[in-house]
C-alpha atoms as a PDB file:
ATOM      1  CA  MET A   1     -29.199  31.202 -89.006  1.00  0.00           C
ATOM      2  CA  ASN A   2     -27.731  31.946 -85.586  1.00  0.00           C
ATOM      3  CA  ARG A   3     -24.135  33.486 -85.107  1.00  0.00           C
ATOM      4  CA  TYR A   4     -21.625  32.324 -82.309  1.00  0.00           C
ATOM      5  CA  LEU A   5     -18.533  33.549 -80.970  1.00  0.00           C
ATOM      6  CA  ILE A   6     -15.960  30.706 -80.061  1.00  0.00           C
ATOM      7  CA  ASN A   7     -13.404  31.530 -77.359  1.00  0.00           C
ATOM      8  CA  LEU A   8     -10.589  28.929 -77.900  1.00  0.00           C
ATOM      9  CA  SER A   9      -6.863  28.137 -76.767  1.00  0.00           C
ATOM     10  CA  TYR A  10      -4.315  25.854 -78.501  1.00  0.00           C
ATOM     11  CA  ILE A  11      -0.748  24.814 -78.598  1.00  0.00           C
ATOM     12  CA  GLY A  12       0.298  25.524 -81.980  1.00  0.00           C
ATOM     13  CA  THR A  13       3.458  23.093 -82.244  1.00  0.00           C
ATOM     14  CA  ARG A  14       1.442  20.537 -84.173  1.00  0.00           C
ATOM     15  CA  PHE A  15      -0.914  22.530 -86.176  1.00  0.00           C
ATOM     16  CA  ARG A  16      -0.014  24.180 -89.425  1.00  0.00           C
ATOM     17  CA  GLY A  17      -1.388  27.562 -88.300  1.00  0.00           C
ATOM     18  CA  ILE A  18      -4.856  28.582 -87.573  1.00  0.00           C
ATOM     19  CA  GLN A  19      -6.162  29.101 -91.129  1.00  0.00           C
ATOM     20  CA  ARG A  20      -7.492  26.167 -93.161  1.00  0.00           C
ATOM     21  CA  LYS A  21      -5.655  25.360 -96.340  1.00  0.00           C
ATOM     22  CA  ILE A  22      -7.581  24.625 -99.527  1.00  0.00           C
ATOM     23  CA  ASP A  23      -6.259  22.331-102.020  1.00  0.00           C
ATOM     24  CA  LYS A  24      -8.298  23.771-105.308  1.00  0.00           C
ATOM     25  CA  THR A  25      -6.740  21.104-107.256  1.00  0.00           C
ATOM     26  CA  ALA A  26      -8.209  18.246-105.387  1.00  0.00           C
ATOM     27  CA  GLY A  27     -11.333  20.148-104.563  1.00  0.00           C
ATOM     28  CA  GLN A  28     -10.341  19.458-100.919  1.00  0.00           C
ATOM     29  CA  PHE A  29     -11.813  21.747 -98.236  1.00  0.00           C
ATOM     30  CA  LYS A  30     -10.972  19.733 -94.932  1.00  0.00           C
ATOM     31  CA  ASP A  31      -7.769  20.335 -93.237  1.00  0.00           C
ATOM     32  CA  PRO A  32      -7.333  18.300 -90.298  1.00  0.00           C
ATOM     33  CA  HIS A  33      -3.707  20.131 -89.605  1.00  0.00           C
ATOM     34  CA  THR A  34      -5.188  23.465 -88.933  1.00  0.00           C
ATOM     35  CA  VAL A  35      -7.220  24.813 -86.104  1.00  0.00           C
ATOM     36  CA  GLN A  36      -9.894  26.169 -88.405  1.00  0.00           C
ATOM     37  CA  GLY A  37     -10.156  22.688 -90.094  1.00  0.00           C
ATOM     38  CA  VAL A  38     -10.344  20.785 -86.937  1.00  0.00           C
ATOM     39  CA  ILE A  39     -13.074  23.017 -85.573  1.00  0.00           C
ATOM     40  CA  GLU A  40     -15.237  23.069 -88.794  1.00  0.00           C
ATOM     41  CA  GLU A  41     -15.009  19.227 -88.847  1.00  0.00           C
ATOM     42  CA  ALA A  42     -16.115  18.811 -85.283  1.00  0.00           C
ATOM     43  CA  LEU A  43     -19.011  21.244 -85.844  1.00  0.00           C
ATOM     44  CA  LEU A  44     -20.424  18.839 -88.530  1.00  0.00           C
ATOM     45  CA  ARG A  45     -21.319  16.567 -85.628  1.00  0.00           C
ATOM     46  CA  LEU A  46     -24.007  19.186 -84.581  1.00  0.00           C
ATOM     47  CA  ARG A  47     -25.629  18.148 -87.909  1.00  0.00           C
ATOM     48  CA  PRO A  48     -26.429  21.844 -88.913  1.00  0.00           C
ATOM     49  CA  VAL A  49     -28.205  22.582 -92.267  1.00  0.00           C
ATOM     50  CA  ASN A  50     -25.302  24.936 -93.496  1.00  0.00           C
ATOM     51  CA  GLU A  51     -21.594  24.075 -93.987  1.00  0.00           C
ATOM     52  CA  PRO A  52     -19.928  25.612 -90.820  1.00  0.00           C
ATOM     53  CA  THR A  53     -17.298  28.173 -91.918  1.00  0.00           C
ATOM     54  CA  LEU A  54     -15.226  29.900 -89.486  1.00  0.00           C
ATOM     55  CA  LYS A  55     -14.244  33.593 -89.641  1.00  0.00           C
ATOM     56  CA  LEU A  56     -11.056  34.207 -87.869  1.00  0.00           C
ATOM     57  CA  SER A  57     -10.078  37.188 -85.470  1.00  0.00           C
ATOM     58  CA  SER A  58      -6.290  36.710 -85.634  1.00  0.00           C
ATOM     59  CA  ARG A  59      -4.332  34.476 -87.921  1.00  0.00           C
ATOM     60  CA  THR A  60      -1.413  32.779 -86.140  1.00  0.00           C
ATOM     61  CA  ASP A  61       1.457  31.197 -87.864  1.00  0.00           C
ATOM     62  CA  THR A  62       2.650  27.608 -87.792  1.00  0.00           C
ATOM     63  CA  GLY A  63       3.929  27.099 -84.222  1.00  0.00           C
ATOM     64  CA  VAL A  64       2.342  30.012 -82.511  1.00  0.00           C
ATOM     65  CA  HIS A  65       0.206  29.364 -79.452  1.00  0.00           C
ATOM     66  CA  ALA A  66      -3.116  30.915 -78.301  1.00  0.00           C
ATOM     67  CA  LEU A  67      -4.140  31.308 -74.844  1.00  0.00           C
ATOM     68  CA  HIS A  68      -7.393  32.953 -75.969  1.00  0.00           C
ATOM     69  CA  ASN A  69      -8.315  33.473 -79.615  1.00  0.00           C
ATOM     70  CA  THR A  70     -11.787  34.017 -81.194  1.00  0.00           C
ATOM     71  CA  VAL A  71     -13.624  32.885 -84.114  1.00  0.00           C
ATOM     72  CA  HIS A  72     -17.270  33.317 -85.120  1.00  0.00           C
ATOM     73  CA  VAL A  73     -19.457  30.855 -86.990  1.00  0.00           C
ATOM     74  CA  ASP A  74     -22.886  30.854 -88.592  1.00  0.00           C
ATOM     75  CA  LEU A  75     -25.045  27.622 -87.706  1.00  0.00           C
ATOM     76  CA  GLN A  76     -28.671  26.728 -88.856  1.00  0.00           C
ATOM     77  CA  ARG A  77     -30.247  23.943 -86.754  1.00  0.00           C
ATOM     78  CA  PRO A  78     -32.663  21.719 -88.742  1.00  0.00           C
ATOM     79  CA  ASN A  79     -35.401  22.734 -86.529  1.00  0.00           C
ATOM     80  CA  GLY A  80     -34.802  26.363 -87.184  1.00  0.00           C
ATOM     81  CA  LYS A  81     -34.034  27.111 -83.133  1.00  0.00           C
ATOM     82  CA  PRO A  82     -30.518  28.001 -81.823  1.00  0.00           C
ATOM     83  CA  TYR A  83     -28.043  25.594 -80.783  1.00  0.00           C
ATOM     84  CA  ASP A  84     -27.221  25.498 -76.887  1.00  0.00           C
ATOM     85  CA  GLU A  85     -24.135  27.128 -76.434  1.00  0.00           C
ATOM     86  CA  ASP A  86     -22.756  24.553 -73.781  1.00  0.00           C
ATOM     87  CA  ARG A  87     -23.509  21.854 -76.469  1.00  0.00           C
ATOM     88  CA  ILE A  88     -21.252  23.314 -78.914  1.00  0.00           C
ATOM     89  CA  THR A  89     -18.382  23.759 -76.503  1.00  0.00           C
ATOM     90  CA  GLN A  90     -18.874  20.055 -75.233  1.00  0.00           C
ATOM     91  CA  THR A  91     -19.129  18.980 -79.045  1.00  0.00           C
ATOM     92  CA  ILE A  92     -15.840  20.581 -80.240  1.00  0.00           C
ATOM     93  CA  ASN A  93     -13.698  19.696 -76.974  1.00  0.00           C
ATOM     94  CA  ARG A  94     -14.953  16.039 -77.012  1.00  0.00           C
ATOM     95  CA  ALA A  95     -13.941  15.738 -80.693  1.00  0.00           C
ATOM     96  CA  CYS A  96     -10.551  17.313 -79.944  1.00  0.00           C
ATOM     97  CA  GLU A  97      -9.601  14.949 -76.930  1.00  0.00           C
ATOM     98  CA  ARG A  98     -10.651  11.987 -79.059  1.00  0.00           C
ATOM     99  CA  ASP A  99      -8.365  13.070 -81.959  1.00  0.00           C
ATOM    100  CA  GLY A 100      -5.646  14.104 -79.383  1.00  0.00           C
ATOM    101  CA  HIS A 101      -5.620  17.648 -80.725  1.00  0.00           C
ATOM    102  CA  ALA A 102      -3.959  20.298 -78.195  1.00  0.00           C
ATOM    103  CA  LEU A 103      -7.061  22.526 -78.702  1.00  0.00           C
ATOM    104  CA  ARG A 104      -9.711  23.642 -76.031  1.00  0.00           C
ATOM    105  CA  ILE A 105     -12.685  25.578 -76.363  1.00  0.00           C
ATOM    106  CA  ILE A 106     -13.012  28.012 -73.470  1.00  0.00           C
ATOM    107  CA  SER A 107     -16.756  29.055 -74.130  1.00  0.00           C
ATOM    108  CA  THR A 108     -19.141  29.768 -76.775  1.00  0.00           C
ATOM    109  CA  ILE A 109     -21.538  32.641 -76.797  1.00  0.00           C
ATOM    110  CA  ARG A 110     -24.441  33.548 -79.049  1.00  0.00           C
ATOM    111  CA  VAL A 111     -23.877  36.801 -80.479  1.00  0.00           C
ATOM    112  CA  PRO A 112     -25.911  39.500 -82.942  1.00  0.00           C
ATOM    113  CA  ASP A 113     -25.437  39.018 -86.833  1.00  0.00           C
ATOM    114  CA  THR A 114     -23.785  42.325 -86.839  1.00  0.00           C
ATOM    115  CA  PHE A 115     -20.861  40.903 -84.792  1.00  0.00           C
ATOM    116  CA  HIS A 116     -17.656  39.970 -86.547  1.00  0.00           C
ATOM    117  CA  ALA A 117     -14.709  38.174 -84.702  1.00  0.00           C
ATOM    118  CA  ARG A 118     -11.986  40.252 -86.636  1.00  0.00           C
ATOM    119  CA  LEU A 119     -13.747  43.715 -87.612  1.00  0.00           C
ATOM    120  CA  SER A 120     -15.335  43.999 -84.155  1.00  0.00           C
ATOM    121  CA  ALA A 121     -12.076  43.298 -82.380  1.00  0.00           C
ATOM    122  CA  LYS A 122     -10.835  46.338 -80.122  1.00  0.00           C
ATOM    123  CA  SER A 123      -7.621  45.195 -79.247  1.00  0.00           C
ATOM    124  CA  ARG A 124      -5.223  42.242 -79.298  1.00  0.00           C
ATOM    125  CA  THR A 125      -2.391  41.216 -76.860  1.00  0.00           C
ATOM    126  CA  TYR A 126       0.467  39.091 -77.593  1.00  0.00           C
ATOM    127  CA  LEU A 127       2.875  37.521 -75.166  1.00  0.00           C
ATOM    128  CA  TYR A 128       6.467  36.650 -76.122  1.00  0.00           C
ATOM    129  CA  ARG A 129       8.217  34.318 -73.619  1.00  0.00           C
ATOM    130  CA  LEU A 130      12.240  34.403 -73.088  1.00  0.00           C
ATOM    131  CA  ALA A 131      14.360  32.368 -71.207  1.00  0.00           C
ATOM    132  CA  VAL A 132      18.089  33.977 -71.007  1.00  0.00           C
ATOM    133  CA  LEU A 133      20.750  31.990 -69.525  1.00  0.00           C
ATOM    134  CA  LYS A 134      22.263  33.465 -66.624  1.00  0.00           C
ATOM    135  CA  ALA A 135      25.907  34.760 -66.635  1.00  0.00           C
ATOM    136  CA  GLY A 136      26.741  32.777 -63.514  1.00  0.00           C
ATOM    137  CA  ALA A 137      25.338  29.417 -65.155  1.00  0.00           C
ATOM    138  CA  LEU A 138      27.898  29.731 -68.327  1.00  0.00           C
ATOM    139  CA  GLY A 139      30.381  27.147 -67.753  1.00  0.00           C
ATOM    140  CA  GLY A 140      33.059  25.751 -70.356  1.00  0.00           C
ATOM    141  CA  HIS A 141      33.031  26.460 -74.136  1.00  0.00           C
ATOM    142  CA  GLY A 142      30.897  23.229 -74.873  1.00  0.00           C
ATOM    143  CA  ASP A 143      28.096  24.518 -72.577  1.00  0.00           C
ATOM    144  CA  GLN A 144      27.778  27.310 -74.701  1.00  0.00           C
ATOM    145  CA  HIS A 145      26.120  25.271 -77.618  1.00  0.00           C
ATOM    146  CA  PRO A 146      22.515  25.074 -77.708  1.00  0.00           C
ATOM    147  CA  HIS A 147      22.526  21.341 -78.224  1.00  0.00           C
ATOM    148  CA  LEU A 148      24.532  20.766 -75.215  1.00  0.00           C
ATOM    149  CA  ARG A 149      22.722  23.102 -72.882  1.00  0.00           C
ATOM    150  CA  PHE A 150      20.199  22.187 -70.393  1.00  0.00           C
ATOM    151  CA  ILE A 151      16.448  23.215 -71.504  1.00  0.00           C
ATOM    152  CA  PRO A 152      13.798  21.817 -69.347  1.00  0.00           C
ATOM    153  CA  ILE A 153      11.796  19.269 -71.588  1.00  0.00           C
ATOM    154  CA  GLU A 154       8.386  21.157 -70.372  1.00  0.00           C
ATOM    155  CA  GLU A 155       9.469  24.176 -72.030  1.00  0.00           C
ATOM    156  CA  GLN A 156      10.225  22.548 -75.662  1.00  0.00           C
ATOM    157  CA  ASP A 157       8.753  24.557 -78.062  1.00  0.00           C
ATOM    158  CA  ARG A 158       7.104  26.839 -75.656  1.00  0.00           C
ATOM    159  CA  CYS A 159       9.963  29.516 -75.082  1.00  0.00           C
ATOM    160  CA  TYR A 160      12.797  31.016 -76.885  1.00  0.00           C
ATOM    161  CA  PHE A 161      15.997  29.995 -74.929  1.00  0.00           C
ATOM    162  CA  ILE A 162      19.051  32.748 -75.489  1.00  0.00           C
ATOM    163  CA  GLY A 163      22.415  31.733 -74.376  1.00  0.00           C
ATOM    164  CA  HIS A 164      24.375  34.843 -75.715  1.00  0.00           C
ATOM    165  CA  PRO A 165      26.947  35.968 -72.929  1.00  0.00           C
ATOM    166  CA  GLN A 166      26.279  39.660 -73.642  1.00  0.00           C
ATOM    167  CA  PHE A 167      22.450  39.616 -73.781  1.00  0.00           C
ATOM    168  CA  SER A 168      21.235  42.857 -71.761  1.00  0.00           C
ATOM    169  CA  ILE A 169      17.484  42.838 -70.991  1.00  0.00           C
ATOM    170  CA  ASP A 170      17.840  46.391 -70.048  1.00  0.00           C
ATOM    171  CA  THR A 171      18.803  47.224 -73.618  1.00  0.00           C
ATOM    172  CA  PHE A 172      16.155  44.949 -74.923  1.00  0.00           C
ATOM    173  CA  SER A 173      13.403  46.782 -72.768  1.00  0.00           C
ATOM    174  CA  ARG A 174      14.821  50.202 -73.876  1.00  0.00           C
ATOM    175  CA  ILE A 175      14.702  49.498 -77.602  1.00  0.00           C
ATOM    176  CA  ALA A 176      11.233  47.666 -77.196  1.00  0.00           C
ATOM    177  CA  ARG A 177       9.582  50.876 -75.844  1.00  0.00           C
ATOM    178  CA  MET A 178      10.758  52.721 -79.163  1.00  0.00           C
ATOM    179  CA  PHE A 179       8.021  50.983 -80.897  1.00  0.00           C
ATOM    180  CA  GLU A 180       5.051  52.111 -78.749  1.00  0.00           C
ATOM    181  CA  GLY A 181       2.823  54.365 -80.604  1.00  0.00           C
ATOM    182  CA  LYS A 182       1.988  54.902 -84.389  1.00  0.00           C
ATOM    183  CA  HIS A 183       4.812  53.822 -86.883  1.00  0.00           C
ATOM    184  CA  ASP A 184       4.843  52.595 -90.666  1.00  0.00           C
ATOM    185  CA  PHE A 185       6.052  48.998 -89.805  1.00  0.00           C
ATOM    186  CA  ARG A 186       6.811  47.983 -93.417  1.00  0.00           C
ATOM    187  CA  THR A 187      10.514  47.003 -92.383  1.00  0.00           C
ATOM    188  CA  PHE A 188       8.939  44.521 -90.018  1.00  0.00           C
ATOM    189  CA  MET A 189       6.348  43.199 -92.193  1.00  0.00           C
ATOM    190  CA  ALA A 190       7.055  39.715 -93.837  1.00  0.00           C
ATOM    191  CA  VAL A 191       5.748  38.887 -97.522  1.00  0.00           C
ATOM    192  CA  ALA A 192       3.272  35.999 -97.534  1.00  0.00           C
ATOM    193  CA  ARG A 193       4.727  33.344 -99.988  1.00  0.00           C
ATOM    194  CA  GLY A 194       3.108  33.405-103.166  1.00  0.00           C
ATOM    195  CA  ASN A 195       2.123  37.323-102.759  1.00  0.00           C
ATOM    196  CA  PRO A 196       5.077  39.330-103.660  1.00  0.00           C
ATOM    197  CA  ARG A 197       2.882  42.456-104.260  1.00  0.00           C
ATOM    198  CA  GLN A 198       1.732  42.351-100.657  1.00  0.00           C
ATOM    199  CA  LEU A 199       3.785  45.062 -99.590  1.00  0.00           C
ATOM    200  CA  GLU A 200       2.618  47.464-102.068  1.00  0.00           C
ATOM    201  CA  ALA A 201      -1.136  46.695-101.710  1.00  0.00           C
ATOM    202  CA  MET A 202      -1.205  46.545 -97.882  1.00  0.00           C
ATOM    203  CA  HIS A 203      -1.350  49.719 -95.804  1.00  0.00           C
ATOM    204  CA  SER A 204       1.548  49.252 -93.315  1.00  0.00           C
ATOM    205  CA  VAL A 205       0.737  51.820 -90.435  1.00  0.00           C
ATOM    206  CA  ARG A 206      -0.187  50.355 -87.015  1.00  0.00           C
ATOM    207  CA  SER A 207      -0.400  51.662 -83.577  1.00  0.00           C
ATOM    208  CA  ILE A 208       1.020  49.806 -80.735  1.00  0.00           C
ATOM    209  CA  GLU A 209      -0.832  50.852 -77.339  1.00  0.00           C
ATOM    210  CA  SER A 210       1.701  49.354 -75.006  1.00  0.00           C
ATOM    211  CA  ILE A 211       5.000  47.410 -74.796  1.00  0.00           C
ATOM    212  CA  SER A 212       5.956  45.781 -71.480  1.00  0.00           C
ATOM    213  CA  VAL A 213       8.845  43.726 -70.468  1.00  0.00           C
ATOM    214  CA  SER A 214       8.469  41.878 -66.860  1.00  0.00           C
ATOM    215  CA  ARG A 215       9.793  38.963 -64.956  1.00  0.00           C
ATOM    216  CA  GLY A 216       8.392  35.484 -66.021  1.00  0.00           C
ATOM    217  CA  CYS A 217       8.187  32.157 -64.712  1.00  0.00           C
ATOM    218  CA  ALA A 218       9.286  28.716 -65.677  1.00  0.00           C
ATOM    219  CA  MET A 219       6.382  26.233 -66.767  1.00  0.00           C
ATOM    220  CA  THR A 220       8.298  23.292 -65.007  1.00  0.00           C
ATOM    221  CA  CYS A 221       7.381  20.782 -62.516  1.00  0.00           C
ATOM    222  CA  GLY A 222       9.078  20.376 -59.012  1.00  0.00           C
ATOM    223  CA  HIS A 223      11.683  17.847 -60.325  1.00  0.00           C
ATOM    224  CA  ASN A 224      12.842  20.192 -63.163  1.00  0.00           C
ATOM    225  CA  ARG A 225      12.137  23.602 -61.349  1.00  0.00           C
ATOM    226  CA  GLU A 226      15.213  23.875 -59.342  1.00  0.00           C
ATOM    227  CA  GLN A 227      17.556  23.273 -62.119  1.00  0.00           C
ATOM    228  CA  THR A 228      15.725  25.656 -64.519  1.00  0.00           C
ATOM    229  CA  GLU A 229      15.779  28.535 -62.170  1.00  0.00           C
ATOM    230  CA  ARG A 230      19.572  28.027 -61.583  1.00  0.00           C
ATOM    231  CA  TYR A 231      20.262  28.380 -65.057  1.00  0.00           C
ATOM    232  CA  TYR A 232      17.613  30.879 -66.593  1.00  0.00           C
ATOM    233  CA  ASP A 233      15.818  34.115 -66.102  1.00  0.00           C
ATOM    234  CA  TYR A 234      12.575  34.214 -67.535  1.00  0.00           C
ATOM    235  CA  TRP A 235      10.967  37.550 -69.216  1.00  0.00           C
ATOM    236  CA  ASP A 236       7.513  38.099 -70.487  1.00  0.00           C
ATOM    237  CA  VAL A 237       7.144  40.474 -73.241  1.00  0.00           C
ATOM    238  CA  HIS A 238       3.623  41.848 -73.928  1.00  0.00           C
ATOM    239  CA  ILE A 239       2.645  43.677 -76.896  1.00  0.00           C
ATOM    240  CA  CYS A 240      -0.844  45.113 -77.236  1.00  0.00           C
ATOM    241  CA  GLY A 241      -2.387  46.950 -80.349  1.00  0.00           C
ATOM    242  CA  ARG A 242      -5.554  46.905 -82.307  1.00  0.00           C
ATOM    243  CA  SER A 243      -4.107  45.002 -85.368  1.00  0.00           C
ATOM    244  CA  PHE A 244      -0.612  43.725 -86.580  1.00  0.00           C
ATOM    245  CA  LEU A 245       1.037  43.002 -89.914  1.00  0.00           C
ATOM    246  CA  TYR A 246       2.182  39.549 -90.920  1.00  0.00           C
ATOM    247  CA  ARG A 247       4.859  38.361 -88.614  1.00  0.00           C
ATOM    248  CA  GLN A 248       5.368  41.817 -87.180  1.00  0.00           C
ATOM    249  CA  VAL A 249       5.583  40.749 -83.813  1.00  0.00           C
ATOM    250  CA  ARG A 250       8.260  37.973 -84.332  1.00  0.00           C
ATOM    251  CA  ARG A 251      10.251  40.370 -86.496  1.00  0.00           C
ATOM    252  CA  MET A 252      10.254  43.159 -84.057  1.00  0.00           C
ATOM    253  CA  VAL A 253      11.217  40.553 -81.148  1.00  0.00           C
ATOM    254  CA  GLY A 254      14.247  39.305 -83.385  1.00  0.00           C
ATOM    255  CA  ALA A 255      15.442  42.936 -83.821  1.00  0.00           C
ATOM    256  CA  TRP A 256      15.347  43.754 -80.105  1.00  0.00           C
ATOM    257  CA  VAL A 257      17.120  40.301 -79.352  1.00  0.00           C
ATOM    258  CA  ALA A 258      19.787  41.304 -82.031  1.00  0.00           C
ATOM    259  CA  ALA A 259      20.218  44.560 -80.291  1.00  0.00           C
ATOM    260  CA  ALA A 260      20.449  43.132 -76.760  1.00  0.00           C
ATOM    261  CA  GLU A 261      23.169  40.868 -77.916  1.00  0.00           C
ATOM    262  CA  GLY A 262      24.963  43.622 -79.659  1.00  0.00           C
ATOM    263  CA  ARG A 263      24.923  42.223 -83.000  1.00  0.00           C
ATOM    264  CA  ILE A 264      23.374  45.468 -84.182  1.00  0.00           C
ATOM    265  CA  THR A 265      23.208  49.200 -82.800  1.00  0.00           C
ATOM    266  CA  GLU A 266      20.364  51.397 -81.439  1.00  0.00           C
ATOM    267  CA  ARG A 267      20.871  53.637 -84.596  1.00  0.00           C
ATOM    268  CA  ASP A 268      20.262  50.223 -86.773  1.00  0.00           C
ATOM    269  CA  ILE A 269      16.950  50.051 -85.021  1.00  0.00           C
ATOM    270  CA  TYR A 270      16.063  53.676 -85.410  1.00  0.00           C
ATOM    271  CA  ARG A 271      16.708  53.412 -89.151  1.00  0.00           C
ATOM    272  CA  MET A 272      14.638  50.268 -89.314  1.00  0.00           C
ATOM    273  CA  LEU A 273      11.719  52.024 -87.613  1.00  0.00           C
ATOM    274  CA  THR A 274      11.928  55.364 -89.196  1.00  0.00           C
ATOM    275  CA  VAL A 275      12.817  54.453 -92.921  1.00  0.00           C
ATOM    276  CA  PRO A 276      10.101  51.655 -93.444  1.00  0.00           C
ATOM    277  CA  SER A 277      11.420  49.577 -96.236  1.00  0.00           C
ATOM    278  CA  GLN A 278      12.433  45.962 -96.429  1.00  0.00           C
ATOM    279  CA  ALA A 279      15.864  47.266 -97.622  1.00  0.00           C
ATOM    280  CA  SER A 280      16.324  48.742 -94.255  1.00  0.00           C
ATOM    281  CA  TRP A 281      16.097  45.063 -92.611  1.00  0.00           C
ATOM    282  CA  CYS A 282      19.466  44.312 -91.118  1.00  0.00           C
ATOM    283  CA  SER A 283      20.661  40.986 -92.448  1.00  0.00           C
ATOM    284  CA  ASN A 284      22.042  39.730 -89.297  1.00  0.00           C
ATOM    285  CA  VAL A 285      18.760  39.880 -87.596  1.00  0.00           C
ATOM    286  CA  PHE A 286      16.922  36.793 -87.252  1.00  0.00           C
ATOM    287  CA  VAL A 287      13.036  36.377 -86.907  1.00  0.00           C
ATOM    288  CA  ALA A 288      12.198  35.208 -83.675  1.00  0.00           C
ATOM    289  CA  PRO A 289      10.888  31.560 -83.463  1.00  0.00           C
ATOM    290  CA  ALA A 290       7.071  31.047 -83.580  1.00  0.00           C
ATOM    291  CA  PHE A 291       7.217  28.874 -80.606  1.00  0.00           C
ATOM    292  CA  GLY A 292       8.028  31.568 -78.000  1.00  0.00           C
ATOM    293  CA  LEU A 293       4.973  33.651 -79.372  1.00  0.00           C
ATOM    294  CA  TYR A 294       1.298  33.349 -77.643  1.00  0.00           C
ATOM    295  CA  LEU A 295      -1.893  35.150 -78.725  1.00  0.00           C
ATOM    296  CA  CYS A 296      -3.067  35.873 -75.183  1.00  0.00           C
ATOM    297  CA  ARG A 297      -6.184  38.249 -75.285  1.00  0.00           C
ATOM    298  CA  VAL A 298      -8.664  39.513 -77.890  1.00  0.00           C
ATOM    299  CA  GLU A 299     -10.852  42.176 -76.480  1.00  0.00           C
ATOM    300  CA  TYR A 300     -14.371  43.419 -77.638  1.00  0.00           C
ATOM    301  CA  ASP A 301     -16.775  45.884 -76.539  1.00  0.00           C
ATOM    302  CA  PRO A 302     -19.308  44.265 -74.447  1.00  0.00           C
ATOM    303  CA  ASN A 303     -22.057  46.051 -76.326  1.00  0.00           C
ATOM    304  CA  ASP A 304     -21.024  44.192 -79.460  1.00  0.00           C
ATOM    305  CA  LEU A 305     -21.467  41.008 -77.936  1.00  0.00           C
ATOM    306  CA  LEU A 306     -24.880  41.518 -76.442  1.00  0.00           C
ATOM    307  CA  PHE A 307     -27.531  39.488 -78.363  1.00  0.00           C
ATOM    308  CA  ILE A 308     -30.906  40.502 -77.674  1.00  0.00           C
ATOM    309  CA  PRO A 309     -33.886  38.017 -78.571  1.00  0.00           C
ATOM    310  CA  GLU A 310     -36.416  39.520 -81.249  1.00  0.00           C
ATOM    311  CA  GLY A 311     -39.212  41.118 -79.298  1.00  0.00           C
ATOM    312  CA  GLU A 312     -37.198  42.236 -76.116  1.00  0.00           C
ATOM    313  CA  THR A 313     -35.772  45.681 -75.279  1.00  0.00           C
ATOM    314  CA  VAL A 314     -32.254  45.738 -73.753  1.00  0.00           C
ATOM    315  CA  HIS A 315     -33.866  46.438 -70.306  1.00  0.00           C
ATOM    316  CA  GLN A 316     -36.046  43.282 -70.421  1.00  0.00           C
ATOM    317  CA  HIS A 317     -33.176  41.369 -71.548  1.00  0.00           C
ATOM    318  CA  GLU A 318     -30.927  42.379 -68.796  1.00  0.00           C
ATOM    319  CA  LEU A 319     -33.578  41.967 -66.526  1.00  0.00           C
ATOM    320  CA  SER A 320     -34.206  38.245 -67.821  1.00  0.00           C
ATOM    321  CA  ARG A 321     -30.576  37.401 -67.305  1.00  0.00           C
ATOM    322  CA  ALA A 322     -30.296  38.840 -63.940  1.00  0.00           C
ATOM    323  CA  VAL A 323     -33.297  36.475 -63.024  1.00  0.00           C
ATOM    324  CA  ALA A 324     -31.795  33.520 -64.624  1.00  0.00           C
ATOM    325  CA  GLU A 325     -28.431  34.015 -63.026  1.00  0.00           C
ATOM    326  CA  PRO A 326     -27.956  33.047 -59.371  1.00  0.00           C
END
């Protein structure tokens, strides 16, 4: 049995999240509507001896995208030899292209049996994309309505469009920086459906290494770009930490947007952060939509990824790789 790390990216719009759902009543273990289900089905084309079961590094919800996510899988080839990493990548990508899935394998790496996609991760970085309607672009009252406002089709379900006339990016950035460091984020943790005791059972203290708000750009083609840039300012919100609670990022961004629009005060934010409780959540704060969120990087210690064939020392392995590489 050999273990492989799979680096992947996907557009989450048509996926019901990354994690496979199991219908126990029907005895169904396949799920073509999730990222995990699609990859496990594709891996069967390699005809491994074992049933491929992915271990996820990060669980993304329905509609959330990934520029870089990771999983690991153990595969046993019938002849006992390891699979070629490129063959695994090609097999999955070919199956995804055939079935029209917005999923792409970036690379496959053979890793030691001690490696774990989730437990070995040192940090995760999320990106949340905002497009804020410019003050000068506001026309008559009818133009304020989201269903009348211009939104480039290339950004449909890819970015959170905000049209509030009082939105302040300076307030948004200042409030966001309050969340850096170690906090009990219980207020910003959603309870998974069917698990009402999750808040009691789960430790909710997390550390956020950094939060940055910087100018972004539109993902539009030439025909739409001029009009898009005339109407909107794009902002990229990067949030880096080792781990996050269920829907923590989307709930935090939703609170920051509410403060930036003046629907809640900085004092409300302070209470939500320093009095960790579901009761501290402000009722006029809305969870930021899933389609604006991207998992953009999962990082590991390079030494944890280093697979050394049996009988070789670290020095011999590095020397053989140096000779093999051009």
